Amino acid sequence: MGKILAREFLWLFVALVFALPLGIGFLWFLGFTPETVNLQKEEKSYIFWLYLLGYLVSFLGIYIVRFVAMSIKTLTQPPAPVEEEE
C-alpha cells in the first residue's frame, strides 16, 4: 500500500511540474505573448485566468494520458499462468 501511495504522490508532483510549461504553451498557442500583445492592466488579469485554465487542462491531460497508458498496459499483459493442483 505504501509503495502505491508513494508512486501516486510522485506522479502528482511530476504532473504539477510538467503542467507549468504546458500552461505557457497554451497561452502561446492562443497568441498571448508579451511580444505580440500590448494589454491594459484589466486585460492582464484575464491572461492570468487563461494561464490557470491552461495549467489545469494540462494537468488533467497528463493524468488522463497516464491512466490510458496504464489501462493499455494492463489489458495487453498476458494472463498469469494458473498453477494446477494434483
N, C-alpha and C. Protein backbone atom coordinates (compact mmCIF):
# COMPACT_ATOMS: atom_id res chain seq x y z
N MET A 1 0.82 -1.20 0.00
CA MET A 1 0.00 0.00 0.00
C MET A 1 0.86 1.26 0.00
N GLY A 2 1.93 1.25 0.76
CA GLY A 2 2.81 2.41 0.84
C GLY A 2 3.51 2.70 -0.47
N LYS A 3 3.85 1.61 -1.19
CA LYS A 3 4.52 1.79 -2.48
C LYS A 3 3.59 2.42 -3.50
N ILE A 4 2.33 2.03 -3.49
CA ILE A 4 1.34 2.60 -4.41
C ILE A 4 1.11 4.08 -4.10
N LEU A 5 1.01 4.41 -2.82
CA LEU A 5 0.80 5.80 -2.40
C LEU A 5 2.00 6.68 -2.79
N ALA A 6 3.20 6.14 -2.61
CA ALA A 6 4.41 6.89 -2.98
C ALA A 6 4.46 7.12 -4.49
N ARG A 7 4.07 6.12 -5.28
CA ARG A 7 4.07 6.27 -6.74
C ARG A 7 3.06 7.32 -7.18
N GLU A 8 1.88 7.32 -6.56
CA GLU A 8 0.86 8.31 -6.90
C GLU A 8 1.32 9.73 -6.53
N PHE A 9 1.97 9.86 -5.38
CA PHE A 9 2.50 11.17 -4.98
C PHE A 9 3.55 11.65 -5.97
N LEU A 10 4.40 10.75 -6.41
CA LEU A 10 5.43 11.11 -7.39
C LEU A 10 4.79 11.55 -8.70
N TRP A 11 3.76 10.83 -9.17
CA TRP A 11 3.07 11.22 -10.39
C TRP A 11 2.37 12.56 -10.24
N LEU A 12 1.81 12.82 -9.05
CA LEU A 12 1.18 14.12 -8.79
C LEU A 12 2.21 15.24 -8.93
N PHE A 13 3.37 15.05 -8.33
CA PHE A 13 4.43 16.06 -8.39
C PHE A 13 4.92 16.25 -9.83
N VAL A 14 5.12 15.17 -10.57
CA VAL A 14 5.58 15.25 -11.96
C VAL A 14 4.54 15.98 -12.81
N ALA A 15 3.26 15.65 -12.61
CA ALA A 15 2.20 16.30 -13.40
C ALA A 15 2.13 17.80 -13.08
N LEU A 16 2.29 18.16 -11.81
CA LEU A 16 2.26 19.58 -11.44
C LEU A 16 3.41 20.34 -12.09
N VAL A 17 4.59 19.74 -12.14
CA VAL A 17 5.76 20.40 -12.73
C VAL A 17 5.63 20.50 -14.25
N PHE A 18 5.20 19.42 -14.91
CA PHE A 18 5.09 19.43 -16.36
C PHE A 18 3.93 20.31 -16.86
N ALA A 19 2.95 20.57 -16.01
CA ALA A 19 1.82 21.40 -16.41
C ALA A 19 2.21 22.87 -16.49
N LEU A 20 3.27 23.29 -15.79
CA LEU A 20 3.69 24.70 -15.84
C LEU A 20 4.06 25.14 -17.26
N PRO A 21 5.02 24.48 -17.92
CA PRO A 21 5.33 24.94 -19.28
C PRO A 21 4.20 24.68 -20.27
N LEU A 22 3.41 23.66 -20.03
CA LEU A 22 2.28 23.42 -20.93
C LEU A 22 1.23 24.52 -20.82
N GLY A 23 1.06 25.09 -19.63
CA GLY A 23 0.16 26.23 -19.47
C GLY A 23 0.65 27.44 -20.24
N ILE A 24 1.96 27.66 -20.23
CA ILE A 24 2.54 28.75 -21.00
C ILE A 24 2.39 28.47 -22.49
N GLY A 25 2.57 27.21 -22.87
CA GLY A 25 2.37 26.84 -24.28
C GLY A 25 0.93 27.06 -24.71
N PHE A 26 -0.02 26.85 -23.80
CA PHE A 26 -1.43 27.11 -24.08
C PHE A 26 -1.64 28.59 -24.42
N LEU A 27 -1.03 29.49 -23.65
CA LEU A 27 -1.14 30.93 -23.95
C LEU A 27 -0.45 31.27 -25.27
N TRP A 28 0.69 30.65 -25.53
CA TRP A 28 1.40 30.91 -26.78
C TRP A 28 0.55 30.45 -27.96
N PHE A 29 -0.11 29.30 -27.81
CA PHE A 29 -0.96 28.79 -28.88
C PHE A 29 -2.11 29.75 -29.17
N LEU A 30 -2.64 30.40 -28.13
CA LEU A 30 -3.72 31.36 -28.31
C LEU A 30 -3.22 32.72 -28.80
N GLY A 31 -1.89 32.93 -28.77
CA GLY A 31 -1.32 34.17 -29.27
C GLY A 31 -1.14 35.25 -28.22
N PHE A 32 -1.17 34.89 -26.96
CA PHE A 32 -0.99 35.87 -25.88
C PHE A 32 0.42 35.81 -25.34
N THR A 33 1.34 36.43 -26.05
CA THR A 33 2.71 36.54 -25.58
C THR A 33 3.03 38.02 -25.40
N PRO A 34 3.95 38.35 -24.51
CA PRO A 34 4.27 39.77 -24.29
C PRO A 34 4.78 40.48 -25.54
N GLU A 35 5.41 39.74 -26.44
CA GLU A 35 5.96 40.37 -27.64
C GLU A 35 4.88 40.72 -28.66
N THR A 36 3.77 40.02 -28.65
CA THR A 36 2.77 40.22 -29.69
C THR A 36 1.57 41.04 -29.25
N VAL A 37 1.36 41.19 -27.94
CA VAL A 37 0.14 41.84 -27.47
C VAL A 37 0.50 42.93 -26.47
N ASN A 38 -0.08 44.12 -26.66
CA ASN A 38 0.06 45.21 -25.70
C ASN A 38 -1.26 45.31 -24.95
N LEU A 39 -1.29 44.88 -23.71
CA LEU A 39 -2.53 44.77 -22.97
C LEU A 39 -2.64 45.81 -21.86
N GLN A 40 -3.87 46.15 -21.53
CA GLN A 40 -4.14 47.03 -20.39
C GLN A 40 -4.07 46.21 -19.11
N LYS A 41 -4.11 46.90 -17.97
CA LYS A 41 -3.99 46.22 -16.68
C LYS A 41 -5.16 45.24 -16.46
N GLU A 42 -6.36 45.64 -16.81
CA GLU A 42 -7.52 44.77 -16.63
C GLU A 42 -7.44 43.53 -17.51
N GLU A 43 -6.92 43.71 -18.70
CA GLU A 43 -6.81 42.58 -19.62
C GLU A 43 -5.74 41.59 -19.17
N LYS A 44 -4.74 42.06 -18.44
CA LYS A 44 -3.69 41.17 -17.94
C LYS A 44 -4.24 40.18 -16.92
N SER A 45 -5.27 40.58 -16.17
CA SER A 45 -5.87 39.65 -15.22
C SER A 45 -6.58 38.52 -15.97
N TYR A 46 -7.13 38.82 -17.14
CA TYR A 46 -7.74 37.76 -17.95
C TYR A 46 -6.68 36.77 -18.44
N ILE A 47 -5.50 37.28 -18.73
CA ILE A 47 -4.41 36.41 -19.16
C ILE A 47 -4.03 35.46 -18.03
N PHE A 48 -4.05 35.93 -16.79
CA PHE A 48 -3.76 35.05 -15.65
C PHE A 48 -4.79 33.92 -15.58
N TRP A 49 -6.06 34.25 -15.75
CA TRP A 49 -7.10 33.22 -15.69
C TRP A 49 -7.00 32.25 -16.86
N LEU A 50 -6.59 32.76 -18.03
CA LEU A 50 -6.37 31.86 -19.17
C LEU A 50 -5.18 30.93 -18.91
N TYR A 51 -4.12 31.47 -18.26
CA TYR A 51 -2.98 30.63 -17.91
C TYR A 51 -3.41 29.56 -16.92
N LEU A 52 -4.19 29.95 -15.92
CA LEU A 52 -4.67 28.99 -14.93
C LEU A 52 -5.53 27.91 -15.59
N LEU A 53 -6.37 28.30 -16.53
CA LEU A 53 -7.18 27.33 -17.26
C LEU A 53 -6.28 26.38 -18.06
N GLY A 54 -5.28 26.91 -18.75
CA GLY A 54 -4.35 26.07 -19.49
C GLY A 54 -3.56 25.15 -18.59
N TYR A 55 -3.19 25.62 -17.41
CA TYR A 55 -2.47 24.80 -16.43
C TYR A 55 -3.34 23.63 -15.97
N LEU A 56 -4.58 23.91 -15.63
CA LEU A 56 -5.48 22.85 -15.15
C LEU A 56 -5.79 21.84 -16.25
N VAL A 57 -6.01 22.33 -17.47
CA VAL A 57 -6.28 21.42 -18.59
C VAL A 57 -5.04 20.55 -18.85
N SER A 58 -3.87 21.12 -18.77
CA SER A 58 -2.64 20.35 -18.97
C SER A 58 -2.47 19.31 -17.87
N PHE A 59 -2.73 19.69 -16.64
CA PHE A 59 -2.62 18.76 -15.51
C PHE A 59 -3.58 17.58 -15.69
N LEU A 60 -4.82 17.88 -16.02
CA LEU A 60 -5.79 16.81 -16.24
C LEU A 60 -5.42 15.96 -17.44
N GLY A 61 -4.90 16.58 -18.48
CA GLY A 61 -4.48 15.84 -19.66
C GLY A 61 -3.36 14.87 -19.37
N ILE A 62 -2.41 15.29 -18.54
CA ILE A 62 -1.31 14.40 -18.16
C ILE A 62 -1.85 13.19 -17.41
N TYR A 63 -2.77 13.42 -16.50
CA TYR A 63 -3.34 12.30 -15.74
C TYR A 63 -4.18 11.39 -16.63
N ILE A 64 -4.93 11.95 -17.56
CA ILE A 64 -5.74 11.12 -18.46
C ILE A 64 -4.84 10.25 -19.34
N VAL A 65 -3.77 10.83 -19.88
CA VAL A 65 -2.83 10.06 -20.69
C VAL A 65 -2.18 8.96 -19.85
N ARG A 66 -1.86 9.27 -18.60
CA ARG A 66 -1.27 8.28 -17.72
C ARG A 66 -2.22 7.12 -17.48
N PHE A 67 -3.48 7.42 -17.21
CA PHE A 67 -4.45 6.36 -16.97
C PHE A 67 -4.73 5.53 -18.22
N VAL A 68 -4.75 6.16 -19.37
CA VAL A 68 -4.95 5.41 -20.62
C VAL A 68 -3.76 4.48 -20.87
N ALA A 69 -2.55 4.97 -20.67
CA ALA A 69 -1.37 4.13 -20.86
C ALA A 69 -1.36 2.98 -19.86
N MET A 70 -1.75 3.25 -18.62
CA MET A 70 -1.80 2.19 -17.61
C MET A 70 -2.87 1.16 -17.97
N SER A 71 -3.99 1.60 -18.51
CA SER A 71 -5.05 0.68 -18.92
C SER A 71 -4.60 -0.19 -20.08
N ILE A 72 -3.95 0.40 -21.06
CA ILE A 72 -3.46 -0.37 -22.21
C ILE A 72 -2.42 -1.40 -21.75
N LYS A 73 -1.54 -0.99 -20.85
CA LYS A 73 -0.53 -1.90 -20.33
C LYS A 73 -1.19 -3.08 -19.61
N THR A 74 -2.21 -2.78 -18.82
CA THR A 74 -2.91 -3.84 -18.08
C THR A 74 -3.65 -4.78 -19.03
N LEU A 75 -4.28 -4.24 -20.04
CA LEU A 75 -5.05 -5.07 -20.97
C LEU A 75 -4.18 -5.91 -21.91
N THR A 76 -2.96 -5.47 -22.18
CA THR A 76 -2.11 -6.20 -23.12
C THR A 76 -1.19 -7.20 -22.44
N GLN A 77 -1.12 -7.21 -21.13
CA GLN A 77 -0.28 -8.19 -20.44
C GLN A 77 -0.95 -9.56 -20.52
N PRO A 78 -0.17 -10.59 -20.80
CA PRO A 78 -0.77 -11.92 -20.84
C PRO A 78 -1.20 -12.33 -19.42
N PRO A 79 -2.24 -13.14 -19.34
CA PRO A 79 -2.68 -13.57 -18.01
C PRO A 79 -1.63 -14.45 -17.33
N ALA A 80 -1.59 -14.35 -16.03
CA ALA A 80 -0.63 -15.14 -15.26
C ALA A 80 -1.02 -16.63 -15.36
N PRO A 81 -0.01 -17.49 -15.50
CA PRO A 81 -0.32 -18.92 -15.59
C PRO A 81 -0.93 -19.43 -14.29
N VAL A 82 -1.93 -20.29 -14.44
CA VAL A 82 -2.61 -20.85 -13.28
C VAL A 82 -1.93 -22.14 -12.90
N GLU A 83 -1.58 -22.24 -11.64
CA GLU A 83 -0.96 -23.47 -11.17
C GLU A 83 -2.04 -24.51 -10.90
N GLU A 84 -1.86 -25.70 -11.46
CA GLU A 84 -2.84 -26.75 -11.27
C GLU A 84 -2.47 -27.59 -10.06
N GLU A 85 -3.50 -27.96 -9.32
CA GLU A 85 -3.28 -28.82 -8.14
C GLU A 85 -3.39 -30.26 -8.56
N GLU A 86 -2.57 -31.11 -7.99
CA GLU A 86 -2.63 -32.53 -8.32
C GLU A 86 -3.40 -33.31 -7.30
